């Protein structure tokens, strides 16, 4: 269950990063600023939680988080017809 939640967190954070990137490209200053702060808080909070585990579990968690990021990027790119 823990790893499923980590995957979902990676997926959702990547969706937020994609929205942030679009807002920067479209020069939406306030929205991009808000998402930048949200991304920073989410990543550091999540990293803090992951690094409390033993090293081998932390590495697995980071890999699963990265896979969630990958699927988040794939999902949003496919949804937008890229």
Protein backbone atom coordinates (compact mmCIF):
# COMPACT_ATOMS: atom_id res chain seq x y z
CA UNK A 1 0.00 0.00 0.00
CA UNK A 2 2.85 2.38 0.85
CA UNK A 3 4.39 1.99 -2.60
CA UNK A 4 1.06 2.58 -4.33
CA UNK A 5 0.70 5.87 -2.46
CA UNK A 6 4.26 6.85 -3.40
CA UNK A 7 3.51 6.09 -7.06
CA UNK A 8 0.31 8.17 -6.93
CA UNK A 9 2.18 11.05 -5.25
CA UNK A 10 4.82 10.98 -8.00
CA UNK A 11 2.10 10.96 -10.66
CA UNK A 12 0.21 13.89 -9.12
CA UNK A 13 3.33 15.96 -8.49
CA UNK A 14 4.30 15.51 -12.13
CA UNK A 15 0.88 16.79 -13.21
CA UNK A 16 1.46 19.87 -11.05
CA UNK A 17 4.92 20.34 -12.57
CA UNK A 18 3.43 20.13 -16.06
CA UNK A 19 0.82 22.77 -15.15
CA UNK A 20 3.59 24.97 -13.71
CA UNK A 21 5.63 24.62 -16.92
CA UNK A 22 2.63 25.58 -19.07
CA UNK A 23 1.94 28.61 -16.89
CA UNK A 24 5.57 29.76 -17.18
CA UNK A 25 5.43 29.35 -20.98
CA UNK A 26 2.18 31.35 -21.09
CA UNK A 27 3.61 34.05 -18.79
CA UNK A 28 0.97 33.49 -16.09
CA UNK A 29 3.02 34.98 -13.29
CA UNK A 30 0.79 34.40 -10.25
CA UNK A 31 -0.25 30.90 -11.20
CA UNK A 32 3.34 29.88 -11.98
CA UNK A 33 4.52 31.41 -8.71
CA UNK A 34 1.88 29.51 -6.73
CA UNK A 35 2.71 26.20 -8.41
CA UNK A 36 6.44 26.76 -7.93
CA UNK A 37 5.95 27.06 -4.18
CA UNK A 38 3.58 24.09 -4.09
CA UNK A 39 6.06 21.91 -5.98
CA UNK A 40 8.89 22.87 -3.62
CA UNK A 41 6.84 22.14 -0.51
CA UNK A 42 5.52 18.84 -1.88
CA UNK A 43 8.94 17.59 -3.01
CA UNK A 44 10.78 18.47 0.19
CA UNK A 45 8.00 17.08 2.39
CA UNK A 46 7.90 13.88 0.40
CA UNK A 47 11.69 13.56 0.39
CA UNK A 48 11.76 14.03 4.15
CA UNK A 49 9.22 11.22 4.57
CA UNK A 50 11.09 8.87 2.21
CA UNK A 51 14.49 9.42 3.82
CA UNK A 52 13.23 8.35 7.23
CA UNK A 53 13.13 4.76 5.96
CA UNK A 54 16.17 2.47 5.88
CA UNK A 55 18.40 3.10 2.85
CA UNK A 56 17.19 0.14 0.78
CA UNK A 57 13.54 1.14 1.29
CA UNK A 58 14.38 4.77 0.50
CA UNK A 59 15.96 3.77 -2.81
CA UNK A 60 12.94 1.67 -3.74
CA UNK A 61 10.60 4.51 -2.76
CA UNK A 62 12.56 7.01 -4.85
CA UNK A 63 12.47 4.67 -7.86
CA UNK A 64 8.71 4.18 -7.50
CA UNK A 65 8.24 7.94 -7.15
CA UNK A 66 10.26 8.43 -10.37
CA UNK A 67 8.11 5.87 -12.19
CA UNK A 68 5.03 7.80 -11.03
CA UNK A 69 6.63 10.95 -12.46
CA UNK A 70 7.25 9.15 -15.75
CA UNK A 71 3.66 7.99 -16.00
CA UNK A 72 2.45 11.49 -15.10
CA UNK A 73 4.43 12.96 -17.98
CA UNK A 74 3.26 10.23 -20.37
CA UNK A 75 -0.37 10.72 -19.33
CA UNK A 76 -0.39 14.48 -19.77
CA UNK A 77 1.51 14.34 -23.07
CA UNK A 78 -0.88 11.72 -24.50
CA UNK A 79 -3.89 13.65 -23.23
CA UNK A 80 -2.67 16.78 -24.99
CA UNK A 81 -2.03 14.92 -28.25
CA UNK A 82 1.75 15.17 -28.21
